[in-house]
Amino acid sequence: MFRCALEVLRDVTGPLTTREIAEQMLARKGVTDAPQKGVRDLAGGVQSSLRNHDGKSVETVGEGMPVRWVLKNP
């Protein structure tokens, strides 16, 4: 899951929320009619995965909610 999220973050120019990342992950797999619960569940998994790597290869930007993610600069 983390690798798919990284691919999405590599291809965009700005920060994304976990929901936006999850929606793009689904779109890349050709899923266009996913149920809302499925998108929420996937976004929760993406968020957990990104939090585990926060400060290593990804980082949050800005303040407040929802959290937005970007790749960490080397």
PDB file of N, CA and C in Angstrom:
ATOM      1  N   MET A   1       0.824  -1.184   0.000  1.00  0.00           N
ATOM      2  CA  MET A   1       0.000   0.000   0.000  1.00  0.00           C
ATOM      3  C   MET A   1       0.871   1.253   0.000  1.00  0.00           C
ATOM      4  N   PHE A   2       1.936   1.230   0.784  1.00  0.00           N
ATOM      5  CA  PHE A   2       2.802   2.406   0.869  1.00  0.00           C
ATOM      6  C   PHE A   2       3.446   2.711  -0.481  1.00  0.00           C
ATOM      7  N   ARG A   3       3.864   1.675  -1.193  1.00  0.00           N
ATOM      8  CA  ARG A   3       4.500   1.886  -2.495  1.00  0.00           C
ATOM      9  C   ARG A   3       3.536   2.535  -3.481  1.00  0.00           C
ATOM     10  N   CYS A   4       2.296   2.106  -3.467  1.00  0.00           N
ATOM     11  CA  CYS A   4       1.289   2.710  -4.352  1.00  0.00           C
ATOM     12  C   CYS A   4       1.068   4.176  -3.993  1.00  0.00           C
ATOM     13  N   ALA A   5       1.037   4.468  -2.696  1.00  0.00           N
ATOM     14  CA  ALA A   5       0.871   5.851  -2.256  1.00  0.00           C
ATOM     15  C   ALA A   5       2.065   6.696  -2.689  1.00  0.00           C
ATOM     16  N   LEU A   6       3.269   6.133  -2.607  1.00  0.00           N
ATOM     17  CA  LEU A   6       4.463   6.860  -3.049  1.00  0.00           C
ATOM     18  C   LEU A   6       4.396   7.162  -4.546  1.00  0.00           C
ATOM     19  N   GLU A   7       3.919   6.200  -5.327  1.00  0.00           N
ATOM     20  CA  GLU A   7       3.790   6.428  -6.774  1.00  0.00           C
ATOM     21  C   GLU A   7       2.867   7.612  -7.054  1.00  0.00           C
ATOM     22  N   VAL A   8       1.766   7.679  -6.325  1.00  0.00           N
ATOM     23  CA  VAL A   8       0.836   8.789  -6.506  1.00  0.00           C
ATOM     24  C   VAL A   8       1.516  10.098  -6.138  1.00  0.00           C
ATOM     25  N   LEU A   9       2.200  10.129  -5.005  1.00  0.00           N
ATOM     26  CA  LEU A   9       2.851  11.361  -4.556  1.00  0.00           C
ATOM     27  C   LEU A   9       3.973  11.793  -5.501  1.00  0.00           C
ATOM     28  N   ARG A  10       4.637  10.826  -6.134  1.00  0.00           N
ATOM     29  CA  ARG A  10       5.703  11.166  -7.088  1.00  0.00           C
ATOM     30  C   ARG A  10       5.147  11.853  -8.328  1.00  0.00           C
ATOM     31  N   ASP A  11       3.927  11.500  -8.706  1.00  0.00           N
ATOM     32  CA  ASP A  11       3.359  11.994  -9.953  1.00  0.00           C
ATOM     33  C   ASP A  11       2.583  13.302  -9.828  1.00  0.00           C
ATOM     34  N   VAL A  12       2.401  13.812  -8.624  1.00  0.00           N
ATOM     35  CA  VAL A  12       1.646  15.057  -8.450  1.00  0.00           C
ATOM     36  C   VAL A  12       2.599  16.196  -8.110  1.00  0.00           C
ATOM     37  N   THR A  13       2.112  17.410  -8.253  1.00  0.00           N
ATOM     38  CA  THR A  13       2.974  18.565  -7.993  1.00  0.00           C
ATOM     39  C   THR A  13       2.749  19.189  -6.628  1.00  0.00           C
ATOM     40  N   GLY A  14       1.657  18.844  -5.968  1.00  0.00           N
ATOM     41  CA  GLY A  14       1.357  19.448  -4.675  1.00  0.00           C
ATOM     42  C   GLY A  14       0.972  18.409  -3.650  1.00  0.00           C
ATOM     43  N   PRO A  15       0.729  18.851  -2.431  1.00  0.00           N
ATOM     44  CA  PRO A  15       0.347  17.937  -1.362  1.00  0.00           C
ATOM     45  C   PRO A  15      -1.063  17.379  -1.563  1.00  0.00           C
ATOM     46  N   LEU A  16      -1.286  16.161  -1.084  1.00  0.00           N
ATOM     47  CA  LEU A  16      -2.589  15.504  -1.186  1.00  0.00           C
ATOM     48  C   LEU A  16      -3.030  14.985   0.175  1.00  0.00           C
ATOM     49  N   THR A  17      -4.338  14.924   0.373  1.00  0.00           N
ATOM     50  CA  THR A  17      -4.891  14.279   1.567  1.00  0.00           C
ATOM     51  C   THR A  17      -4.857  12.775   1.353  1.00  0.00           C
ATOM     52  N   THR A  18      -5.039  12.023   2.421  1.00  0.00           N
ATOM     53  CA  THR A  18      -5.053  10.566   2.282  1.00  0.00           C
ATOM     54  C   THR A  18      -6.225  10.112   1.418  1.00  0.00           C
ATOM     55  N   ARG A  19      -7.342  10.791   1.498  1.00  0.00           N
ATOM     56  CA  ARG A  19      -8.487  10.432   0.651  1.00  0.00           C
ATOM     57  C   ARG A  19      -8.169  10.657  -0.826  1.00  0.00           C
ATOM     58  N   GLU A  20      -7.536  11.770  -1.136  1.00  0.00           N
ATOM     59  CA  GLU A  20      -7.158  12.039  -2.526  1.00  0.00           C
ATOM     60  C   GLU A  20      -6.164  10.995  -3.030  1.00  0.00           C
ATOM     61  N   ILE A  21      -5.238  10.594  -2.172  1.00  0.00           N
ATOM     62  CA  ILE A  21      -4.275   9.555  -2.542  1.00  0.00           C
ATOM     63  C   ILE A  21      -5.013   8.249  -2.805  1.00  0.00           C
ATOM     64  N   ALA A  22      -5.933   7.883  -1.919  1.00  0.00           N
ATOM     65  CA  ALA A  22      -6.694   6.642  -2.078  1.00  0.00           C
ATOM     66  C   ALA A  22      -7.515   6.663  -3.365  1.00  0.00           C
ATOM     67  N   GLU A  23      -8.148   7.780  -3.662  1.00  0.00           N
ATOM     68  CA  GLU A  23      -8.947   7.886  -4.889  1.00  0.00           C
ATOM     69  C   GLU A  23      -8.070   7.743  -6.131  1.00  0.00           C
ATOM     70  N   GLN A  24      -6.886   8.320  -6.100  1.00  0.00           N
ATOM     71  CA  GLN A  24      -5.982   8.191  -7.240  1.00  0.00           C
ATOM     72  C   GLN A  24      -5.440   6.772  -7.362  1.00  0.00           C
ATOM     73  N   MET A  25      -5.196   6.120  -6.229  1.00  0.00           N
ATOM     74  CA  MET A  25      -4.756   4.727  -6.272  1.00  0.00           C
ATOM     75  C   MET A  25      -5.817   3.856  -6.939  1.00  0.00           C
ATOM     76  N   LEU A  26      -7.068   4.061  -6.579  1.00  0.00           N
ATOM     77  CA  LEU A  26      -8.159   3.300  -7.183  1.00  0.00           C
ATOM     78  C   LEU A  26      -8.283   3.602  -8.670  1.00  0.00           C
ATOM     79  N   ALA A  27      -8.182   4.856  -9.032  1.00  0.00           N
ATOM     80  CA  ALA A  27      -8.297   5.243 -10.435  1.00  0.00           C
ATOM     81  C   ALA A  27      -7.193   4.603 -11.274  1.00  0.00           C
ATOM     82  N   ARG A  28      -6.005   4.490 -10.720  1.00  0.00           N
ATOM     83  CA  ARG A  28      -4.890   3.866 -11.442  1.00  0.00           C
ATOM     84  C   ARG A  28      -5.139   2.385 -11.687  1.00  0.00           C
ATOM     85  N   LYS A  29      -5.935   1.773 -10.822  1.00  0.00           N
ATOM     86  CA  LYS A  29      -6.287   0.357 -10.995  1.00  0.00           C
ATOM     87  C   LYS A  29      -7.546   0.188 -11.834  1.00  0.00           C
ATOM     88  N   GLY A  30      -8.121   1.297 -12.286  1.00  0.00           N
ATOM     89  CA  GLY A  30      -9.303   1.232 -13.119  1.00  0.00           C
ATOM     90  C   GLY A  30     -10.612   1.161 -12.355  1.00  0.00           C
ATOM     91  N   VAL A  31     -10.571   1.394 -11.059  1.00  0.00           N
ATOM     92  CA  VAL A  31     -11.779   1.363 -10.239  1.00  0.00           C
ATOM     93  C   VAL A  31     -12.389   2.759 -10.220  1.00  0.00           C
ATOM     94  N   THR A  32     -13.580   2.878 -10.773  1.00  0.00           N
ATOM     95  CA  THR A  32     -14.224   4.192 -10.836  1.00  0.00           C
ATOM     96  C   THR A  32     -15.496   4.260 -10.003  1.00  0.00           C
ATOM     97  N   ASP A  33     -16.017   3.125  -9.587  1.00  0.00           N
ATOM     98  CA  ASP A  33     -17.288   3.105  -8.860  1.00  0.00           C
ATOM     99  C   ASP A  33     -17.161   2.433  -7.489  1.00  0.00           C
ATOM    100  N   ALA A  34     -16.082   2.716  -6.802  1.00  0.00           N
ATOM    101  CA  ALA A  34     -15.860   2.127  -5.480  1.00  0.00           C
ATOM    102  C   ALA A  34     -16.865   2.678  -4.478  1.00  0.00           C
ATOM    103  N   PRO A  35     -17.387   1.816  -3.600  1.00  0.00           N
ATOM    104  CA  PRO A  35     -18.302   2.315  -2.563  1.00  0.00           C
ATOM    105  C   PRO A  35     -17.563   3.250  -1.596  1.00  0.00           C
ATOM    106  N   GLN A  36     -18.292   4.201  -1.040  1.00  0.00           N
ATOM    107  CA  GLN A  36     -17.689   5.184  -0.133  1.00  0.00           C
ATOM    108  C   GLN A  36     -16.973   4.517   1.041  1.00  0.00           C
ATOM    109  N   LYS A  37     -17.566   3.443   1.567  1.00  0.00           N
ATOM    110  CA  LYS A  37     -16.925   2.736   2.681  1.00  0.00           C
ATOM    111  C   LYS A  37     -15.583   2.151   2.251  1.00  0.00           C
ATOM    112  N   GLY A  38     -15.520   1.641   1.050  1.00  0.00           N
ATOM    113  CA  GLY A  38     -14.265   1.100   0.539  1.00  0.00           C
ATOM    114  C   GLY A  38     -13.196   2.166   0.403  1.00  0.00           C
ATOM    115  N   VAL A  39     -13.598   3.335  -0.077  1.00  0.00           N
ATOM    116  CA  VAL A  39     -12.647   4.448  -0.210  1.00  0.00           C
ATOM    117  C   VAL A  39     -12.174   4.888   1.177  1.00  0.00           C
ATOM    118  N   ARG A  40     -13.104   4.976   2.126  1.00  0.00           N
ATOM    119  CA  ARG A  40     -12.739   5.357   3.508  1.00  0.00           C
ATOM    120  C   ARG A  40     -11.782   4.347   4.115  1.00  0.00           C
ATOM    121  N   ASP A  41     -12.075   3.062   3.915  1.00  0.00           N
ATOM    122  CA  ASP A  41     -11.203   2.018   4.464  1.00  0.00           C
ATOM    123  C   ASP A  41      -9.805   2.086   3.853  1.00  0.00           C
ATOM    124  N   LEU A  42      -9.750   2.264   2.547  1.00  0.00           N
ATOM    125  CA  LEU A  42      -8.456   2.379   1.882  1.00  0.00           C
ATOM    126  C   LEU A  42      -7.714   3.614   2.372  1.00  0.00           C
ATOM    127  N   ALA A  43      -8.412   4.733   2.507  1.00  0.00           N
ATOM    128  CA  ALA A  43      -7.784   5.965   2.991  1.00  0.00           C
ATOM    129  C   ALA A  43      -7.242   5.776   4.405  1.00  0.00           C
ATOM    130  N   GLY A  44      -7.951   5.019   5.232  1.00  0.00           N
ATOM    131  CA  GLY A  44      -7.459   4.740   6.582  1.00  0.00           C
ATOM    132  C   GLY A  44      -6.170   3.939   6.554  1.00  0.00           C
ATOM    133  N   GLY A  45      -6.103   2.966   5.664  1.00  0.00           N
ATOM    134  CA  GLY A  45      -4.873   2.183   5.523  1.00  0.00           C
ATOM    135  C   GLY A  45      -3.728   3.022   5.002  1.00  0.00           C
ATOM    136  N   VAL A  46      -4.032   3.889   4.043  1.00  0.00           N
ATOM    137  CA  VAL A  46      -3.010   4.789   3.497  1.00  0.00           C
ATOM    138  C   VAL A  46      -2.498   5.713   4.595  1.00  0.00           C
ATOM    139  N   GLN A  47      -3.411   6.243   5.391  1.00  0.00           N
ATOM    140  CA  GLN A  47      -3.005   7.150   6.470  1.00  0.00           C
ATOM    141  C   GLN A  47      -2.096   6.455   7.474  1.00  0.00           C
ATOM    142  N   SER A  48      -2.451   5.246   7.869  1.00  0.00           N
ATOM    143  CA  SER A  48      -1.612   4.496   8.809  1.00  0.00           C
ATOM    144  C   SER A  48      -0.229   4.250   8.222  1.00  0.00           C
ATOM    145  N   SER A  49      -0.197   3.871   6.972  1.00  0.00           N
ATOM    146  CA  SER A  49       1.068   3.600   6.301  1.00  0.00           C
ATOM    147  C   SER A  49       1.927   4.864   6.210  1.00  0.00           C
ATOM    148  N   LEU A  50       1.307   5.980   5.844  1.00  0.00           N
ATOM    149  CA  LEU A  50       2.062   7.227   5.743  1.00  0.00           C
ATOM    150  C   LEU A  50       2.557   7.687   7.111  1.00  0.00           C
ATOM    151  N   ARG A  51       1.751   7.514   8.135  1.00  0.00           N
ATOM    152  CA  ARG A  51       2.180   7.905   9.492  1.00  0.00           C
ATOM    153  C   ARG A  51       3.389   7.091   9.938  1.00  0.00           C
ATOM    154  N   ASN A  52       3.433   5.811   9.552  1.00  0.00           N
ATOM    155  CA  ASN A  52       4.575   4.965   9.907  1.00  0.00           C
ATOM    156  C   ASN A  52       5.865   5.451   9.256  1.00  0.00           C
ATOM    157  N   HIS A  53       5.750   6.146   8.123  1.00  0.00           N
ATOM    158  CA  HIS A  53       6.921   6.625   7.395  1.00  0.00           C
ATOM    159  C   HIS A  53       7.095   8.142   7.489  1.00  0.00           C
ATOM    160  N   ASP A  54       6.308   8.791   8.344  1.00  0.00           N
ATOM    161  CA  ASP A  54       6.380  10.246   8.494  1.00  0.00           C
ATOM    162  C   ASP A  54       7.775  10.657   8.964  1.00  0.00           C
ATOM    163  N   GLY A  55       8.374  11.575   8.225  1.00  0.00           N
ATOM    164  CA  GLY A  55       9.705  12.056   8.567  1.00  0.00           C
ATOM    165  C   GLY A  55      10.813  11.254   7.917  1.00  0.00           C
ATOM    166  N   LYS A  56      10.486  10.109   7.343  1.00  0.00           N
ATOM    167  CA  LYS A  56      11.489   9.277   6.670  1.00  0.00           C
ATOM    168  C   LYS A  56      11.436   9.526   5.170  1.00  0.00           C
ATOM    169  N   SER A  57      10.363   9.103   4.528  1.00  0.00           N
ATOM    170  CA  SER A  57      10.251   9.307   3.082  1.00  0.00           C
ATOM    171  C   SER A  57       9.075  10.200   2.711  1.00  0.00           C
ATOM    172  N   VAL A  58       8.180  10.458   3.653  1.00  0.00           N
ATOM    173  CA  VAL A  58       7.063  11.384   3.436  1.00  0.00           C
ATOM    174  C   VAL A  58       6.968  12.322   4.631  1.00  0.00           C
ATOM    175  N   GLU A  59       6.262  13.430   4.424  1.00  0.00           N
ATOM    176  CA  GLU A  59       6.064  14.363   5.534  1.00  0.00           C
ATOM    177  C   GLU A  59       4.763  15.125   5.323  1.00  0.00           C
ATOM    178  N   THR A  60       4.249  15.652   6.420  1.00  0.00           N
ATOM    179  CA  THR A  60       3.029  16.444   6.348  1.00  0.00           C
ATOM    180  C   THR A  60       3.401  17.892   6.080  1.00  0.00           C
ATOM    181  N   VAL A  61       2.465  18.596   5.457  1.00  0.00           N
ATOM    182  CA  VAL A  61       2.673  20.022   5.200  1.00  0.00           C
ATOM    183  C   VAL A  61       1.458  20.780   5.700  1.00  0.00           C
ATOM    184  N   GLY A  62       1.692  22.020   6.081  1.00  0.00           N
ATOM    185  CA  GLY A  62       0.595  22.849   6.548  1.00  0.00           C
ATOM    186  C   GLY A  62       0.125  22.450   7.932  1.00  0.00           C
ATOM    187  N   GLU A  63      -0.931  23.111   8.350  1.00  0.00           N
ATOM    188  CA  GLU A  63      -1.504  22.845   9.657  1.00  0.00           C
ATOM    189  C   GLU A  63      -2.971  22.528   9.502  1.00  0.00           C
ATOM    190  N   GLY A  64      -3.539  21.936  10.517  1.00  0.00           N
ATOM    191  CA  GLY A  64      -4.963  21.673  10.509  1.00  0.00           C
ATOM    192  C   GLY A  64      -5.321  20.351   9.874  1.00  0.00           C
ATOM    193  N   MET A  65      -6.604  20.199   9.681  1.00  0.00           N
ATOM    194  CA  MET A  65      -7.130  18.955   9.133  1.00  0.00           C
ATOM    195  C   MET A  65      -7.857  19.254   7.838  1.00  0.00           C
ATOM    196  N   PRO A  66      -7.868  18.391   6.893  1.00  0.00           N
ATOM    197  CA  PRO A  66      -7.154  17.121   6.872  1.00  0.00           C
ATOM    198  C   PRO A  66      -5.663  17.322   6.596  1.00  0.00           C
ATOM    199  N   VAL A  67      -4.891  16.379   7.056  1.00  0.00           N
ATOM    200  CA  VAL A  67      -3.447  16.416   6.861  1.00  0.00           C
ATOM    201  C   VAL A  67      -3.148  16.219   5.378  1.00  0.00           C
ATOM    202  N   ARG A  68      -2.189  16.944   4.870  1.00  0.00           N
ATOM    203  CA  ARG A  68      -1.756  16.794   3.478  1.00  0.00           C
ATOM    204  C   ARG A  68      -0.327  16.263   3.473  1.00  0.00           C
ATOM    205  N   TRP A  69      -0.063  15.385   2.522  1.00  0.00           N
ATOM    206  CA  TRP A  69       1.207  14.669   2.469  1.00  0.00           C
ATOM    207  C   TRP A  69       2.000  15.011   1.207  1.00  0.00           C
ATOM    208  N   VAL A  70       3.321  15.016   1.332  1.00  0.00           N
ATOM    209  CA  VAL A  70       4.239  15.174   0.217  1.00  0.00           C
ATOM    210  C   VAL A  70       5.428  14.241   0.439  1.00  0.00           C
ATOM    211  N   LEU A  71       6.201  14.027  -0.621  1.00  0.00           N
ATOM    212  CA  LEU A  71       7.447  13.294  -0.469  1.00  0.00           C
ATOM    213  C   LEU A  71       8.434  14.169   0.271  1.00  0.00           C
ATOM    214  N   LYS A  72       9.234  13.536   1.101  1.00  0.00           N
ATOM    215  CA  LYS A  72      10.244  14.294   1.843  1.00  0.00           C
ATOM    216  C   LYS A  72      11.408  14.617   0.925  1.00  0.00           C
ATOM    217  N   ASN A  73      11.874  15.843   0.994  1.00  0.00           N
ATOM    218  CA  ASN A  73      13.061  16.240   0.214  1.00  0.00           C
ATOM    219  C   ASN A  73      14.289  15.614   0.845  1.00  0.00           C
ATOM    220  N   PRO A  74      15.192  15.113   0.000  1.00  0.00           N
ATOM    221  CA  PRO A  74      16.409  14.462   0.545  1.00  0.00           C
ATOM    222  C   PRO A  74      17.329  15.425   1.239  1.00  0.00           C
TER     223      PRO A  74
END
